[in-house]
C-alpha atoms as a PDB file:
ATOM      1  CA  MET A   1      -8.500  25.294  -9.229  1.00  0.00           C
ATOM      2  CA  PRO A   2     -10.220  22.038 -10.180  1.00  0.00           C
ATOM      3  CA  ILE A   3     -11.034  20.905  -6.604  1.00  0.00           C
ATOM      4  CA  SER A   4     -13.347  23.186  -4.655  1.00  0.00           C
ATOM      5  CA  TYR A   5     -13.685  23.105  -0.879  1.00  0.00           C
ATOM      6  CA  SER A   6     -16.643  25.506  -0.798  1.00  0.00           C
ATOM      7  CA  LYS A   7     -19.001  22.774   0.490  1.00  0.00           C
ATOM      8  CA  LEU A   8     -16.566  21.979   3.298  1.00  0.00           C
ATOM      9  CA  LEU A   9     -16.076  25.622   4.227  1.00  0.00           C
ATOM     10  CA  LYS A  10     -19.851  26.105   4.308  1.00  0.00           C
ATOM     11  CA  MET A  11     -20.186  23.040   6.560  1.00  0.00           C
ATOM     12  CA  PHE A  12     -17.469  24.402   8.871  1.00  0.00           C
ATOM     13  CA  ASP A  13     -19.332  27.703   9.075  1.00  0.00           C
ATOM     14  CA  GLU A  14     -22.747  26.098   9.685  1.00  0.00           C
ATOM     15  CA  ARG A  15     -21.348  23.887  12.448  1.00  0.00           C
ATOM     16  CA  GLY A  16     -19.221  26.605  14.045  1.00  0.00           C
ATOM     17  CA  ILE A  17     -15.967  24.791  13.330  1.00  0.00           C
ATOM     18  CA  ASN A  18     -12.966  27.120  13.415  1.00  0.00           C
ATOM     19  CA  THR A  19      -9.197  26.954  13.848  1.00  0.00           C
ATOM     20  CA  TYR A  20      -9.576  26.528  17.611  1.00  0.00           C
ATOM     21  CA  THR A  21     -11.975  23.589  17.183  1.00  0.00           C
ATOM     22  CA  ILE A  22      -9.707  21.880  14.663  1.00  0.00           C
ATOM     23  CA  LYS A  23      -6.677  22.267  16.928  1.00  0.00           C
ATOM     24  CA  LYS A  24      -8.499  21.301  20.138  1.00  0.00           C
ATOM     25  CA  GLU A  25     -10.125  18.212  18.599  1.00  0.00           C
ATOM     26  CA  GLY A  26      -6.978  17.237  16.675  1.00  0.00           C
ATOM     27  CA  ILE A  27      -9.019  16.656  13.523  1.00  0.00           C
ATOM     28  CA  ILE A  28      -6.477  17.785  10.931  1.00  0.00           C
ATOM     29  CA  GLY A  29      -3.194  19.668  11.022  1.00  0.00           C
ATOM     30  CA  GLN A  30      -2.823  23.400  10.677  1.00  0.00           C
ATOM     31  CA  ALA A  31      -1.140  22.968   7.284  1.00  0.00           C
ATOM     32  CA  SER A  32      -4.174  21.095   5.928  1.00  0.00           C
ATOM     33  CA  TRP A  33      -6.509  23.708   7.431  1.00  0.00           C
ATOM     34  CA  LYS A  34      -4.537  26.422   5.638  1.00  0.00           C
ATOM     35  CA  LYS A  35      -4.524  24.508   2.331  1.00  0.00           C
ATOM     36  CA  ILE A  36      -8.304  24.103   2.481  1.00  0.00           C
ATOM     37  CA  HIS A  37      -8.795  27.829   3.021  1.00  0.00           C
ATOM     38  CA  GLU A  38      -6.295  28.751   0.297  1.00  0.00           C
ATOM     39  CA  GLY A  39      -7.509  26.177  -2.229  1.00  0.00           C
ATOM     40  CA  GLY A  40      -4.448  23.952  -2.035  1.00  0.00           C
ATOM     41  CA  HIS A  41      -4.257  20.178  -2.309  1.00  0.00           C
ATOM     42  CA  ILE A  42      -4.979  17.882   0.614  1.00  0.00           C
ATOM     43  CA  ASP A  43      -4.443  14.131   0.708  1.00  0.00           C
ATOM     44  CA  THR A  44      -7.012  11.371   1.021  1.00  0.00           C
ATOM     45  CA  ARG A  45      -6.106  10.723   4.668  1.00  0.00           C
ATOM     46  CA  THR A  46      -7.178  14.277   5.469  1.00  0.00           C
ATOM     47  CA  ILE A  47     -10.415  13.812   3.533  1.00  0.00           C
ATOM     48  CA  GLU A  48     -10.997  10.561   5.439  1.00  0.00           C
ATOM     49  CA  LYS A  49     -10.470  12.281   8.817  1.00  0.00           C
ATOM     50  CA  LEU A  50     -12.830  15.104   7.862  1.00  0.00           C
ATOM     51  CA  CYS A  51     -15.522  12.688   6.659  1.00  0.00           C
ATOM     52  CA  LYS A  52     -15.242  10.672   9.868  1.00  0.00           C
ATOM     53  CA  TYR A  53     -15.468  13.782  12.043  1.00  0.00           C
ATOM     54  CA  LEU A  54     -18.300  15.367  10.047  1.00  0.00           C
ATOM     55  CA  LYS A  55     -20.081  12.026   9.425  1.00  0.00           C
ATOM     56  CA  CYS A  56     -20.322  12.591   5.689  1.00  0.00           C
ATOM     57  CA  GLN A  57     -19.080  11.367   2.318  1.00  0.00           C
ATOM     58  CA  PRO A  58     -16.233  12.973   0.294  1.00  0.00           C
ATOM     59  CA  GLY A  59     -18.713  14.363  -2.226  1.00  0.00           C
ATOM     60  CA  ASP A  60     -20.396  16.257   0.615  1.00  0.00           C
ATOM     61  CA  ILE A  61     -17.247  18.309   1.255  1.00  0.00           C
ATOM     62  CA  ILE A  62     -15.337  18.565  -2.048  1.00  0.00           C
ATOM     63  CA  GLU A  63     -16.217  18.814  -5.697  1.00  0.00           C
ATOM     64  CA  TYR A  64     -14.444  18.887  -9.010  1.00  0.00           C
ATOM     65  CA  VAL A  65     -14.899  22.147 -10.900  1.00  0.00           C
ATOM     66  CA  GLU A  66     -13.725  22.154 -14.494  1.00  0.00           C
ATOM     67  CA  ASP A  67     -11.338  24.962 -15.466  1.00  0.00           C
ATOM     68  CA  GLU A  68     -12.769  27.353 -18.009  1.00  0.00           C
END
């Protein structure tokens, strides 16, 4: 998986953001939430929403990891 969401998941954990928070705040859809946790692909609109909510840059939440 070339794109890693480990930074984002760590940020969620540190800030106490969970499924309930995401749904209540309407930040991203459940499908995107699931894709992030399963290592799937999300689109740039989702990244934009997350960056706006978390007040960060894309590089703060995702990173490219070269396949071995």
